[in-house]
Amino acid sequence: MKLACGHWGDGEAILFLIHGFAASRAAWDHLRPLLGSSVKAVAVDLPGHGQSDPCSALGRRGFEDTLEALARTLDELHIGPVDLLGYSQGARLALGLALGWPGRVRRLILESGTAGLRRSRDRKIRQRRDEALARDIVRDGVEAFVDRWESLPLFAGLRRLPRGLASSLRRERLACSERGLASSLRSVGLGLQPNYWPRLASLRVPTLLLSGERDLKFTEIARAMARDLPMAWYRSFEGAWHAPHLETPAAFAEEVLAFLGAPSVPRFESEAVA
């Protein structure tokens, strides 16, 4: 499985970007003016999104295949360790990549992610829910799914985006295929992610955890992960919900660059920042 990639930026540090569900590598384009002079970004299309084909394997094997495809993509860059940034579904995969291939990651940034569901019962319940959603998408089409998805309270902040950015985001979601989204749910859904909580203490990669201050669930998850990780920073963005990189892009980019440019990363936690 080969993943499509895009490249932008003139900086020296390689920043590998992994988008969330129902998006593509274009989800990061609005950050080019804020990050492009400091990093050389490599933005990937996850399986079933953008120009990448759906994952051929389902279930746990699909999750492992996706991680292996991401690792191969890093290998193809022919450089040393990269800085890795993932959002939501992309954050879950970024964490798996850092745990499985720590030598390929210099610093790790997880936005609105989780180390997984702790109980096997909860994972099975989530798998059933994701399977039901996959069937709904195939039956009702992408537009009906996007309308439902955008109405979730989790994405309240996206309804306040500037018109141009909001329109671009919606076009990006509508460009997804029913088969691609269903395949993604069936191969890398939350219920298929391993429980990474017991492994956090072994991760020696400096990690920045980011969340929106109004997204109470993922803010608490980020704080819990920061307590378990040996080298962790945590930041919460005031007024933001699940997608600070879209809702507060200037503050988000400033935080990312400060973390990547720091000579060392002490264990640190702070209150919300604007």
C-alpha atoms as a PDB file:
ATOM      1  CA  MET A   1       0.000   0.000   0.000  1.00  0.00           C
ATOM      2  CA  LYS A   2       1.521   3.298  -1.127  1.00  0.00           C
ATOM      3  CA  LEU A   3       0.354   6.603   0.327  1.00  0.00           C
ATOM      4  CA  ALA A   4       0.098   9.822  -1.674  1.00  0.00           C
ATOM      5  CA  CYS A   5       2.075  12.765  -0.313  1.00  0.00           C
ATOM      6  CA  GLY A   6       2.459  16.484  -0.866  1.00  0.00           C
ATOM      7  CA  HIS A   7       5.443  18.672  -0.006  1.00  0.00           C
ATOM      8  CA  TRP A   8       5.670  22.338   0.899  1.00  0.00           C
ATOM      9  CA  GLY A   9       7.813  24.730   2.942  1.00  0.00           C
ATOM     10  CA  ASP A  10      11.388  25.991   2.800  1.00  0.00           C
ATOM     11  CA  GLY A  11      12.658  25.162   6.290  1.00  0.00           C
ATOM     12  CA  GLU A  12      15.219  22.545   7.239  1.00  0.00           C
ATOM     13  CA  ALA A  13      13.253  20.455   9.748  1.00  0.00           C
ATOM     14  CA  ILE A  14      10.988  17.801   8.205  1.00  0.00           C
ATOM     15  CA  LEU A  15       7.455  17.975   9.621  1.00  0.00           C
ATOM     16  CA  PHE A  16       5.394  14.898   8.712  1.00  0.00           C
ATOM     17  CA  LEU A  17       1.659  15.671   8.821  1.00  0.00           C
ATOM     18  CA  ILE A  18      -1.157  13.116   9.281  1.00  0.00           C
ATOM     19  CA  HIS A  19      -4.717  14.429   8.841  1.00  0.00           C
ATOM     20  CA  GLY A  20      -7.929  13.291  10.525  1.00  0.00           C
ATOM     21  CA  PHE A  21     -10.914  11.276   9.329  1.00  0.00           C
ATOM     22  CA  ALA A  22     -12.811  12.506   6.245  1.00  0.00           C
ATOM     23  CA  ALA A  23     -10.031  14.858   5.190  1.00  0.00           C
ATOM     24  CA  SER A  24      -6.835  14.757   3.134  1.00  0.00           C
ATOM     25  CA  ARG A  25      -3.365  16.247   3.110  1.00  0.00           C
ATOM     26  CA  ALA A  26      -4.964  19.521   1.941  1.00  0.00           C
ATOM     27  CA  ALA A  27      -6.343  19.943   5.479  1.00  0.00           C
ATOM     28  CA  TRP A  28      -2.988  21.500   6.440  1.00  0.00           C
ATOM     29  CA  ASP A  29      -2.693  23.920   3.513  1.00  0.00           C
ATOM     30  CA  HIS A  30      -3.959  26.927   5.459  1.00  0.00           C
ATOM     31  CA  LEU A  31      -0.891  26.602   7.725  1.00  0.00           C
ATOM     32  CA  ARG A  32       1.579  27.101   4.890  1.00  0.00           C
ATOM     33  CA  PRO A  33       1.973  30.866   5.463  1.00  0.00           C
ATOM     34  CA  LEU A  34       2.501  30.248   9.198  1.00  0.00           C
ATOM     35  CA  LEU A  35       4.845  27.241   9.056  1.00  0.00           C
ATOM     36  CA  GLY A  36       6.302  27.180   5.557  1.00  0.00           C
ATOM     37  CA  SER A  37       9.354  29.328   6.222  1.00  0.00           C
ATOM     38  CA  SER A  38      10.390  27.188   9.207  1.00  0.00           C
ATOM     39  CA  VAL A  39       9.666  23.594   8.162  1.00  0.00           C
ATOM     40  CA  LYS A  40       9.678  21.372   5.132  1.00  0.00           C
ATOM     41  CA  ALA A  41       6.277  19.722   5.425  1.00  0.00           C
ATOM     42  CA  VAL A  42       5.407  16.284   4.093  1.00  0.00           C
ATOM     43  CA  ALA A  43       1.628  15.855   4.220  1.00  0.00           C
ATOM     44  CA  VAL A  44       0.271  12.359   3.607  1.00  0.00           C
ATOM     45  CA  ASP A  45      -3.132  11.103   2.436  1.00  0.00           C
ATOM     46  CA  LEU A  46      -4.296   8.283   4.704  1.00  0.00           C
ATOM     47  CA  PRO A  47      -5.769   5.157   3.081  1.00  0.00           C
ATOM     48  CA  GLY A  48      -9.204   5.836   1.605  1.00  0.00           C
ATOM     49  CA  HIS A  49      -8.621   9.596   1.611  1.00  0.00           C
ATOM     50  CA  GLY A  50      -7.355  12.033  -0.981  1.00  0.00           C
ATOM     51  CA  GLN A  51      -5.319  10.214  -3.625  1.00  0.00           C
ATOM     52  CA  SER A  52      -4.511   7.135  -1.516  1.00  0.00           C
ATOM     53  CA  ASP A  53      -6.342   3.891  -2.198  1.00  0.00           C
ATOM     54  CA  PRO A  54      -8.402   2.304   0.596  1.00  0.00           C
ATOM     55  CA  CYS A  55      -6.651  -0.155   2.864  1.00  0.00           C
ATOM     56  CA  SER A  56      -7.062  -3.678   1.487  1.00  0.00           C
ATOM     57  CA  ALA A  57      -6.973  -5.275   4.952  1.00  0.00           C
ATOM     58  CA  LEU A  58      -9.675  -4.850   7.577  1.00  0.00           C
ATOM     59  CA  GLY A  59      -9.722  -5.145  11.355  1.00  0.00           C
ATOM     60  CA  ARG A  60      -6.509  -5.207  13.391  1.00  0.00           C
ATOM     61  CA  ARG A  61      -4.485  -6.176  10.319  1.00  0.00           C
ATOM     62  CA  GLY A  62      -5.699  -3.000   8.613  1.00  0.00           C
ATOM     63  CA  PHE A  63      -4.468  -0.870  11.494  1.00  0.00           C
ATOM     64  CA  GLU A  64      -1.062  -2.562  11.378  1.00  0.00           C
ATOM     65  CA  ASP A  65      -0.890  -2.271   7.580  1.00  0.00           C
ATOM     66  CA  THR A  66      -1.589   1.467   7.804  1.00  0.00           C
ATOM     67  CA  LEU A  67       1.191   1.959  10.348  1.00  0.00           C
ATOM     68  CA  GLU A  68       3.568  -0.014   8.151  1.00  0.00           C
ATOM     69  CA  ALA A  69       2.603   2.112   5.140  1.00  0.00           C
ATOM     70  CA  LEU A  70       3.334   5.273   7.121  1.00  0.00           C
ATOM     71  CA  ALA A  71       6.704   3.851   8.218  1.00  0.00           C
ATOM     72  CA  ARG A  72       7.585   3.002   4.598  1.00  0.00           C
ATOM     73  CA  THR A  73       6.678   6.540   3.589  1.00  0.00           C
ATOM     74  CA  LEU A  74       9.109   7.867   6.198  1.00  0.00           C
ATOM     75  CA  ASP A  75      11.791   5.510   4.891  1.00  0.00           C
ATOM     76  CA  GLU A  76      11.284   6.844   1.381  1.00  0.00           C
ATOM     77  CA  LEU A  77      12.252  10.329   2.576  1.00  0.00           C
ATOM     78  CA  HIS A  78      15.847   9.040   3.029  1.00  0.00           C
ATOM     79  CA  ILE A  79      16.522  11.314   5.977  1.00  0.00           C
ATOM     80  CA  GLY A  80      16.972  10.954   9.707  1.00  0.00           C
ATOM     81  CA  PRO A  81      14.202  11.190  12.320  1.00  0.00           C
ATOM     82  CA  VAL A  82      11.328  13.543  11.470  1.00  0.00           C
ATOM     83  CA  ASP A  83       9.012  15.702  13.538  1.00  0.00           C
ATOM     84  CA  LEU A  84       5.578  14.061  13.479  1.00  0.00           C
ATOM     85  CA  LEU A  85       2.227  15.850  13.831  1.00  0.00           C
ATOM     86  CA  GLY A  86      -1.125  14.071  13.765  1.00  0.00           C
ATOM     87  CA  TYR A  87      -4.678  15.271  14.292  1.00  0.00           C
ATOM     88  CA  SER A  88      -7.524  13.137  15.727  1.00  0.00           C
ATOM     89  CA  GLN A  89      -7.436   9.851  13.772  1.00  0.00           C
ATOM     90  CA  GLY A  90      -4.039  10.981  12.522  1.00  0.00           C
ATOM     91  CA  ALA A  91      -2.872  11.540  16.103  1.00  0.00           C
ATOM     92  CA  ARG A  92      -3.814   7.966  17.013  1.00  0.00           C
ATOM     93  CA  LEU A  93      -1.783   6.673  14.092  1.00  0.00           C
ATOM     94  CA  ALA A  94       1.107   9.037  14.868  1.00  0.00           C
ATOM     95  CA  LEU A  95       1.265   7.641  18.396  1.00  0.00           C
ATOM     96  CA  GLY A  96       1.292   4.083  17.058  1.00  0.00           C
ATOM     97  CA  LEU A  97       4.050   5.018  14.627  1.00  0.00           C
ATOM     98  CA  ALA A  98       6.171   6.606  17.363  1.00  0.00           C
ATOM     99  CA  LEU A  99       5.725   3.568  19.617  1.00  0.00           C
ATOM    100  CA  GLY A 100       6.471   1.045  16.882  1.00  0.00           C
ATOM    101  CA  TRP A 101       9.249   2.958  15.086  1.00  0.00           C
ATOM    102  CA  PRO A 102      10.670   5.400  17.685  1.00  0.00           C
ATOM    103  CA  GLY A 103      13.939   5.796  15.798  1.00  0.00           C
ATOM    104  CA  ARG A 104      12.117   7.500  12.944  1.00  0.00           C
ATOM    105  CA  VAL A 105      10.573  10.224  15.142  1.00  0.00           C
ATOM    106  CA  ARG A 106      12.485  13.172  16.612  1.00  0.00           C
ATOM    107  CA  ARG A 107       9.553  14.934  18.244  1.00  0.00           C
ATOM    108  CA  LEU A 108       5.873  14.042  18.382  1.00  0.00           C
ATOM    109  CA  ILE A 109       2.847  16.359  18.354  1.00  0.00           C
ATOM    110  CA  LEU A 110      -0.603  14.888  19.049  1.00  0.00           C
ATOM    111  CA  GLU A 111      -3.665  17.106  18.517  1.00  0.00           C
ATOM    112  CA  SER A 112      -6.994  15.851  19.897  1.00  0.00           C
ATOM    113  CA  GLY A 113      -5.781  12.264  20.021  1.00  0.00           C
ATOM    114  CA  THR A 114      -6.027   9.363  22.449  1.00  0.00           C
ATOM    115  CA  ALA A 115      -3.951   6.388  23.547  1.00  0.00           C
ATOM    116  CA  GLY A 116      -6.993   4.204  22.881  1.00  0.00           C
ATOM    117  CA  LEU A 117      -9.778   2.474  24.761  1.00  0.00           C
ATOM    118  CA  ARG A 118      -8.570   0.621  27.829  1.00  0.00           C
ATOM    119  CA  ARG A 119     -11.148  -2.189  27.957  1.00  0.00           C
ATOM    120  CA  SER A 120     -11.659  -4.827  25.281  1.00  0.00           C
ATOM    121  CA  ARG A 121     -15.423  -4.555  25.830  1.00  0.00           C
ATOM    122  CA  ASP A 122     -15.334  -0.859  24.932  1.00  0.00           C
ATOM    123  CA  ARG A 123     -13.263  -1.590  21.835  1.00  0.00           C
ATOM    124  CA  LYS A 124     -15.797  -4.159  20.651  1.00  0.00           C
ATOM    125  CA  ILE A 125     -18.670  -1.719  21.217  1.00  0.00           C
ATOM    126  CA  ARG A 126     -16.824   0.950  19.234  1.00  0.00           C
ATOM    127  CA  GLN A 127     -16.140  -1.506  16.409  1.00  0.00           C
ATOM    128  CA  ARG A 128     -19.863  -2.216  16.148  1.00  0.00           C
ATOM    129  CA  ARG A 129     -20.659   1.493  16.094  1.00  0.00           C
ATOM    130  CA  ASP A 130     -18.058   2.183  13.417  1.00  0.00           C
ATOM    131  CA  GLU A 131     -19.366  -0.709  11.337  1.00  0.00           C
ATOM    132  CA  ALA A 132     -22.876   0.740  11.577  1.00  0.00           C
ATOM    133  CA  LEU A 133     -21.553   4.146  10.507  1.00  0.00           C
ATOM    134  CA  ALA A 134     -19.648   2.581   7.607  1.00  0.00           C
ATOM    135  CA  ARG A 135     -22.857   0.939   6.396  1.00  0.00           C
ATOM    136  CA  ASP A 136     -24.754   4.234   6.721  1.00  0.00           C
ATOM    137  CA  ILE A 137     -22.131   6.022   4.623  1.00  0.00           C
ATOM    138  CA  VAL A 138     -22.292   3.392   1.880  1.00  0.00           C
ATOM    139  CA  ARG A 139     -26.111   3.428   1.925  1.00  0.00           C
ATOM    140  CA  ASP A 140     -26.767   7.171   2.255  1.00  0.00           C
ATOM    141  CA  GLY A 141     -23.754   8.694   0.523  1.00  0.00           C
ATOM    142  CA  VAL A 142     -20.981  11.069   1.526  1.00  0.00           C
ATOM    143  CA  GLU A 143     -23.041  14.268   1.540  1.00  0.00           C
ATOM    144  CA  ALA A 144     -25.545  12.888   4.054  1.00  0.00           C
ATOM    145  CA  PHE A 145     -22.644  11.731   6.226  1.00  0.00           C
ATOM    146  CA  VAL A 146     -20.887  15.108   6.028  1.00  0.00           C
ATOM    147  CA  ASP A 147     -24.090  16.934   7.014  1.00  0.00           C
ATOM    148  CA  ARG A 148     -24.423  14.659  10.037  1.00  0.00           C
ATOM    149  CA  TRP A 149     -20.701  14.855  10.886  1.00  0.00           C
ATOM    150  CA  GLU A 150     -20.553  18.644  10.736  1.00  0.00           C
ATOM    151  CA  SER A 151     -23.523  18.957  13.078  1.00  0.00           C
ATOM    152  CA  LEU A 152     -21.789  17.102  15.935  1.00  0.00           C
ATOM    153  CA  PRO A 153     -21.157  19.246  19.051  1.00  0.00           C
ATOM    154  CA  LEU A 154     -17.488  18.234  18.843  1.00  0.00           C
ATOM    155  CA  PHE A 155     -17.115  20.366  15.720  1.00  0.00           C
ATOM    156  CA  ALA A 156     -18.940  23.452  16.978  1.00  0.00           C
ATOM    157  CA  GLY A 157     -15.787  25.511  16.495  1.00  0.00           C
ATOM    158  CA  LEU A 158     -15.683  24.696  12.789  1.00  0.00           C
ATOM    159  CA  ARG A 159     -19.010  26.428  12.291  1.00  0.00           C
ATOM    160  CA  ARG A 160     -17.296  29.708  13.150  1.00  0.00           C
ATOM    161  CA  LEU A 161     -14.469  29.408  10.624  1.00  0.00           C
ATOM    162  CA  PRO A 162     -13.935  32.101   7.983  1.00  0.00           C
ATOM    163  CA  ARG A 163     -16.147  31.422   4.984  1.00  0.00           C
ATOM    164  CA  GLY A 164     -13.291  30.547   2.636  1.00  0.00           C
ATOM    165  CA  LEU A 165     -11.713  28.039   4.998  1.00  0.00           C
ATOM    166  CA  ALA A 166     -15.092  26.519   5.901  1.00  0.00           C
ATOM    167  CA  SER A 167     -15.992  26.090   2.222  1.00  0.00           C
ATOM    168  CA  SER A 168     -12.638  24.508   1.474  1.00  0.00           C
ATOM    169  CA  LEU A 169     -13.029  22.092   4.380  1.00  0.00           C
ATOM    170  CA  ARG A 170     -16.502  21.053   3.235  1.00  0.00           C
ATOM    171  CA  ARG A 171     -15.350  20.516  -0.370  1.00  0.00           C
ATOM    172  CA  GLU A 172     -12.528  18.370   0.938  1.00  0.00           C
ATOM    173  CA  ARG A 173     -14.947  16.193   2.915  1.00  0.00           C
ATOM    174  CA  LEU A 174     -17.405  15.887   0.019  1.00  0.00           C
ATOM    175  CA  ALA A 175     -14.534  14.742  -2.213  1.00  0.00           C
ATOM    176  CA  CYS A 176     -14.177  11.590  -0.103  1.00  0.00           C
ATOM    177  CA  SER A 177     -15.698   8.384  -1.437  1.00  0.00           C
ATOM    178  CA  GLU A 178     -18.170   6.136   0.342  1.00  0.00           C
ATOM    179  CA  ARG A 179     -15.830   3.182  -0.127  1.00  0.00           C
ATOM    180  CA  GLY A 180     -12.823   5.093   1.195  1.00  0.00           C
ATOM    181  CA  LEU A 181     -14.504   6.330   4.365  1.00  0.00           C
ATOM    182  CA  ALA A 182     -16.094   2.959   5.100  1.00  0.00           C
ATOM    183  CA  SER A 183     -12.751   1.237   4.618  1.00  0.00           C
ATOM    184  CA  SER A 184     -11.091   3.703   6.988  1.00  0.00           C
ATOM    185  CA  LEU A 185     -13.614   2.993   9.738  1.00  0.00           C
ATOM    186  CA  ARG A 186     -13.165  -0.742   9.234  1.00  0.00           C
ATOM    187  CA  SER A 187      -9.359  -0.642   9.301  1.00  0.00           C
ATOM    188  CA  VAL A 188      -8.206   2.167  11.606  1.00  0.00           C
ATOM    189  CA  GLY A 189     -11.303   3.030  13.668  1.00  0.00           C
ATOM    190  CA  LEU A 190     -10.829   3.695  17.371  1.00  0.00           C
ATOM    191  CA  GLY A 191     -12.116   0.255  18.278  1.00  0.00           C
ATOM    192  CA  LEU A 192      -9.285  -1.325  16.270  1.00  0.00           C
ATOM    193  CA  GLN A 193      -6.522   0.764  17.823  1.00  0.00           C
ATOM    194  CA  PRO A 194      -4.480  -1.160  20.402  1.00  0.00           C
ATOM    195  CA  ASN A 195      -4.631   0.062  23.982  1.00  0.00           C
ATOM    196  CA  TYR A 196      -1.469   2.163  24.061  1.00  0.00           C
ATOM    197  CA  TRP A 197      -1.926   3.448  27.620  1.00  0.00           C
ATOM    198  CA  PRO A 198       0.370   0.826  29.234  1.00  0.00           C
ATOM    199  CA  ARG A 199       3.101   1.660  26.705  1.00  0.00           C
ATOM    200  CA  LEU A 200       3.186   5.444  27.173  1.00  0.00           C
ATOM    201  CA  ALA A 201       5.782   5.255  29.944  1.00  0.00           C
ATOM    202  CA  SER A 202       8.194   3.567  27.523  1.00  0.00           C
ATOM    203  CA  LEU A 203       7.997   6.305  24.875  1.00  0.00           C
ATOM    204  CA  ARG A 204      11.213   8.348  25.007  1.00  0.00           C
ATOM    205  CA  VAL A 205      10.202  10.749  22.252  1.00  0.00           C
ATOM    206  CA  PRO A 206       9.534  14.354  23.392  1.00  0.00           C
ATOM    207  CA  THR A 207       5.790  14.835  22.956  1.00  0.00           C
ATOM    208  CA  LEU A 208       3.495  17.858  22.759  1.00  0.00           C
ATOM    209  CA  LEU A 209      -0.199  17.211  23.441  1.00  0.00           C
ATOM    210  CA  LEU A 210      -2.638  19.785  22.090  1.00  0.00           C
ATOM    211  CA  SER A 211      -6.379  20.187  22.599  1.00  0.00           C
ATOM    212  CA  GLY A 212      -9.139  22.750  22.444  1.00  0.00           C
ATOM    213  CA  GLU A 213     -10.135  24.088  25.859  1.00  0.00           C
ATOM    214  CA  ARG A 214     -13.845  23.609  25.092  1.00  0.00           C
ATOM    215  CA  ASP A 215     -13.326  20.001  24.036  1.00  0.00           C
ATOM    216  CA  LEU A 216     -13.536  18.674  27.585  1.00  0.00           C
ATOM    217  CA  LYS A 217     -13.194  14.991  26.690  1.00  0.00           C
ATOM    218  CA  PHE A 218     -10.001  15.290  24.691  1.00  0.00           C
ATOM    219  CA  THR A 219      -8.550  17.903  27.006  1.00  0.00           C
ATOM    220  CA  GLU A 220      -8.827  15.445  29.882  1.00  0.00           C
ATOM    221  CA  ILE A 221      -7.350  12.679  27.726  1.00  0.00           C
ATOM    222  CA  ALA A 222      -4.414  14.930  26.805  1.00  0.00           C
ATOM    223  CA  ARG A 223      -3.769  15.735  30.458  1.00  0.00           C
ATOM    224  CA  ALA A 224      -3.878  12.050  31.384  1.00  0.00           C
ATOM    225  CA  MET A 225      -1.458  11.160  28.601  1.00  0.00           C
ATOM    226  CA  ALA A 226       0.885  13.966  29.660  1.00  0.00           C
ATOM    227  CA  ARG A 227       1.011  12.491  33.151  1.00  0.00           C
ATOM    228  CA  ASP A 228       2.019   9.081  31.795  1.00  0.00           C
ATOM    229  CA  LEU A 229       4.554  10.160  29.183  1.00  0.00           C
ATOM    230  CA  PRO A 230       8.166  10.622  30.368  1.00  0.00           C
ATOM    231  CA  MET A 231       8.772  13.767  28.252  1.00  0.00           C
ATOM    232  CA  ALA A 232       5.577  15.715  27.663  1.00  0.00           C
ATOM    233  CA  TRP A 233       4.292  19.220  27.159  1.00  0.00           C
ATOM    234  CA  TYR A 234       0.604  19.985  27.197  1.00  0.00           C
ATOM    235  CA  ARG A 235      -1.256  22.983  25.754  1.00  0.00           C
ATOM    236  CA  SER A 236      -4.964  23.799  25.577  1.00  0.00           C
ATOM    237  CA  PHE A 237      -6.189  26.556  23.248  1.00  0.00           C
ATOM    238  CA  GLU A 238      -8.692  28.965  24.723  1.00  0.00           C
ATOM    239  CA  GLY A 239     -12.055  29.060  22.941  1.00  0.00           C
ATOM    240  CA  ALA A 240     -11.241  26.118  20.653  1.00  0.00           C
ATOM    241  CA  TRP A 241     -13.008  22.776  20.353  1.00  0.00           C
ATOM    242  CA  HIS A 242     -11.683  19.655  18.601  1.00  0.00           C
ATOM    243  CA  ALA A 243      -9.605  21.234  15.814  1.00  0.00           C
ATOM    244  CA  PRO A 244      -7.333  24.031  17.112  1.00  0.00           C
ATOM    245  CA  HIS A 245      -5.210  23.876  13.943  1.00  0.00           C
ATOM    246  CA  LEU A 246      -8.290  25.131  12.082  1.00  0.00           C
ATOM    247  CA  GLU A 247      -9.943  27.238  14.783  1.00  0.00           C
ATOM    248  CA  THR A 248      -6.863  29.063  16.141  1.00  0.00           C
ATOM    249  CA  PRO A 249      -4.229  28.559  13.414  1.00  0.00           C
ATOM    250  CA  ALA A 250      -1.865  31.389  14.414  1.00  0.00           C
ATOM    251  CA  ALA A 251      -1.637  30.291  18.061  1.00  0.00           C
ATOM    252  CA  PHE A 252      -1.413  26.656  16.960  1.00  0.00           C
ATOM    253  CA  ALA A 253       1.488  27.337  14.577  1.00  0.00           C
ATOM    254  CA  GLU A 254       3.297  29.417  17.203  1.00  0.00           C
ATOM    255  CA  GLU A 255       3.042  26.574  19.725  1.00  0.00           C
ATOM    256  CA  VAL A 256       4.241  23.985  17.213  1.00  0.00           C
ATOM    257  CA  LEU A 257       7.260  26.052  16.179  1.00  0.00           C
ATOM    258  CA  ALA A 258       8.203  26.812  19.787  1.00  0.00           C
ATOM    259  CA  PHE A 259       8.148  23.102  20.587  1.00  0.00           C
ATOM    260  CA  LEU A 260      10.131  22.085  17.512  1.00  0.00           C
ATOM    261  CA  GLY A 261      12.692  24.810  18.077  1.00  0.00           C
ATOM    262  CA  ALA A 262      13.292  24.210  21.768  1.00  0.00           C
ATOM    263  CA  PRO A 263      16.795  22.827  22.475  1.00  0.00           C
ATOM    264  CA  SER A 264      15.296  20.373  24.947  1.00  0.00           C
ATOM    265  CA  VAL A 265      11.788  19.548  26.074  1.00  0.00           C
ATOM    266  CA  PRO A 266      11.265  19.401  29.852  1.00  0.00           C
ATOM    267  CA  ARG A 267       8.166  17.839  31.362  1.00  0.00           C
ATOM    268  CA  PHE A 268       5.716  20.694  31.450  1.00  0.00           C
ATOM    269  CA  GLU A 269       2.013  21.410  31.793  1.00  0.00           C
ATOM    270  CA  SER A 270       0.272  24.763  31.659  1.00  0.00           C
ATOM    271  CA  GLU A 271      -3.148  26.321  31.659  1.00  0.00           C
ATOM    272  CA  ALA A 272      -4.991  27.191  28.476  1.00  0.00           C
ATOM    273  CA  VAL A 273      -3.311  29.596  26.068  1.00  0.00           C
ATOM    274  CA  ALA A 274      -5.003  31.900  23.607  1.00  0.00           C
END
